[in-house]
Protein backbone atom coordinates (compact mmCIF):
# COMPACT_ATOMS: atom_id res chain seq x y z
CA MET A 1 0.07 0.05 -0.05
CA TYR A 2 1.17 3.47 -0.71
CA GLU A 3 2.41 5.60 2.18
CA ALA A 4 2.53 9.36 1.92
CA LYS A 5 5.69 11.20 2.88
CA LEU A 6 5.59 13.59 5.82
CA GLU A 7 5.42 16.63 3.52
CA GLN A 8 2.60 15.03 1.55
CA ARG A 9 0.62 14.27 4.79
CA ARG A 10 1.03 17.90 5.76
CA VAL A 11 -0.32 19.11 2.52
CA ILE A 12 -3.36 16.65 2.75
CA VAL A 13 -4.14 17.71 6.31
CA PHE A 14 -3.89 21.38 5.32
CA ILE A 15 -6.27 20.94 2.51
CA LEU A 16 -8.75 19.04 4.56
CA SER A 17 -8.44 21.81 7.31
CA LEU A 18 -9.31 24.41 4.73
CA ALA A 19 -12.28 22.42 3.63
CA ALA A 20 -13.63 21.98 7.14
CA ILE A 21 -13.15 25.70 8.03
CA SER A 22 -15.02 26.63 4.80
CA LEU A 23 -17.84 24.35 5.64
CA ALA A 24 -18.05 25.75 9.20
CA LEU A 25 -18.10 29.24 8.11
CA SER A 26 -20.82 28.87 5.53
CA TRP A 27 -22.93 26.88 8.02
CA GLY A 28 -22.38 29.66 10.58
CA LYS A 29 -23.36 32.40 8.24
CA LYS A 30 -26.58 30.61 7.52
CA ASN A 31 -27.60 30.18 11.12
CA LEU A 32 -26.42 33.65 12.05
CA ALA A 33 -28.65 35.16 9.38
CA GLU A 34 -31.71 33.19 10.61
CA ARG A 35 -31.09 34.22 14.16
CA ALA A 36 -30.65 37.84 13.24
CA ASP A 37 -33.98 37.92 11.62
CA SER A 38 -35.56 36.89 14.86
CA PHE A 39 -34.38 40.07 16.76
CA ILE A 40 -35.33 43.68 16.63
CA TYR A 41 -32.85 46.05 18.25
CA LEU A 42 -34.56 49.14 19.85
CA SER A 43 -32.56 52.22 20.86
CA ASN A 44 -33.35 53.97 24.04
CA PRO A 45 -32.54 57.82 23.61
CA GLN A 46 -32.72 58.26 27.44
CA GLU A 47 -29.63 56.08 27.82
CA ASN A 48 -27.52 58.52 25.90
CA SER A 49 -28.22 62.06 26.86
CA SER A 50 -26.52 63.46 23.77
CA ALA A 51 -28.71 61.42 21.39
CA GLN A 52 -30.77 63.30 18.94
CA VAL A 53 -34.40 62.22 18.56
CA SER A 54 -36.05 63.04 15.19
CA LYS A 55 -39.56 64.23 14.93
CA GLU A 56 -40.44 61.21 12.84
CA THR A 57 -39.88 58.04 14.90
CA PRO A 58 -38.46 55.19 12.90
CA ALA A 59 -40.82 52.18 12.48
CA CYS A 60 -38.64 49.86 14.50
CA THR A 61 -38.94 52.01 17.67
CA ARG A 62 -42.61 52.76 17.50
CA ALA A 63 -44.83 51.03 19.97
CA PRO A 64 -45.92 47.78 18.26
CA GLU A 65 -49.73 47.58 17.46
CA ILE A 66 -51.80 44.45 18.02
CA VAL A 67 -51.65 42.54 14.67
CA ASN A 68 -54.32 40.08 13.47
CA ILE A 69 -52.29 37.16 12.40
CA ASN A 70 -54.96 35.87 10.05
CA THR A 71 -55.04 38.92 7.89
CA ALA A 72 -51.59 40.59 8.39
CA GLU A 73 -48.99 40.81 5.67
CA GLU A 74 -45.34 39.98 6.08
CA SER A 75 -44.48 43.56 6.61
CA GLN A 76 -47.20 43.94 9.35
CA LEU A 77 -46.02 40.74 11.10
CA GLN A 78 -42.49 42.11 11.20
CA THR A 79 -43.71 44.99 13.46
CA ILE A 80 -44.19 42.39 16.20
CA PRO A 81 -41.00 42.35 18.49
CA GLY A 82 -39.12 39.06 17.97
CA ILE A 83 -40.75 38.41 14.55
CA GLY A 84 -38.38 39.07 11.50
CA ARG A 85 -38.64 38.43 7.72
CA VAL A 86 -38.10 34.67 7.94
CA ILE A 87 -40.78 33.94 10.63
CA ALA A 88 -43.08 36.42 9.09
CA SER A 89 -42.88 34.65 5.82
CA ARG A 90 -43.43 31.19 7.47
CA ILE A 91 -46.59 32.55 9.17
CA VAL A 92 -48.03 33.71 5.90
CA GLU A 93 -46.98 30.54 4.08
CA TYR A 94 -48.66 28.37 6.91
CA ARG A 95 -51.79 30.43 6.65
CA LEU A 96 -51.98 29.86 2.95
CA GLN A 97 -51.51 26.16 3.19
CA HIS A 98 -53.61 25.47 6.40
CA GLY A 99 -56.07 28.26 6.52
CA PRO A 100 -56.67 30.81 9.26
CA PHE A 101 -55.29 30.29 12.84
CA THR A 102 -58.01 29.40 15.41
CA SER A 103 -56.00 30.41 18.38
CA LYS A 104 -52.67 32.18 19.17
CA GLU A 105 -51.31 28.83 20.27
CA ASP A 106 -51.56 27.60 16.71
CA LEU A 107 -48.43 29.61 16.12
CA VAL A 108 -46.24 27.04 17.82
CA LYS A 109 -46.87 24.79 14.74
CA ILE A 110 -44.50 27.25 12.83
CA LYS A 111 -40.73 26.53 12.78
CA GLY A 112 -39.00 29.23 14.89
CA ILE A 113 -41.91 29.80 17.32
CA GLY A 114 -41.87 27.90 20.45
CA SER A 115 -43.72 28.41 23.79
CA LYS A 116 -41.16 31.04 24.84
CA LYS A 117 -41.45 33.22 21.81
CA LEU A 118 -45.13 32.75 21.88
CA ALA A 119 -45.27 34.04 25.47
CA LEU A 120 -43.18 37.11 24.20
CA ILE A 121 -45.43 37.96 21.27
CA GLU A 122 -48.69 36.97 22.62
CA LYS A 123 -49.64 40.48 23.70
CA TYR A 124 -49.06 41.79 20.32
CA ILE A 125 -51.22 39.51 18.37
CA ARG A 126 -54.93 38.73 18.00
CA VAL A 127 -56.93 35.99 16.08
CA GLU A 128 -60.07 37.04 14.38
């Protein structure tokens, strides 16, 4: 059987290491992007006294309205704290495939929404 020389083994290990690192980085970017869609970052102007507050409040810092999950579009669902683009699209897709939600608890059937997230968003949603 063929045995690789020390130098050849080092080259093979180096190439395999690069491949493993490349796979890990691509996997990490995908998961990071999904997690980033799940968060909304709010700034608090009272924390920094030198912060300038514009007369027009950005959409992400307005108090969220109560959203009917059976009629809301993706953009409306994204106003709910903790609901990003990915989960909003999953809600709309689920609704199209299975019909309207009968209760708030039906949201746990959607990937990315568990009992903890449901408890956080429950006060911002309604079912009609």
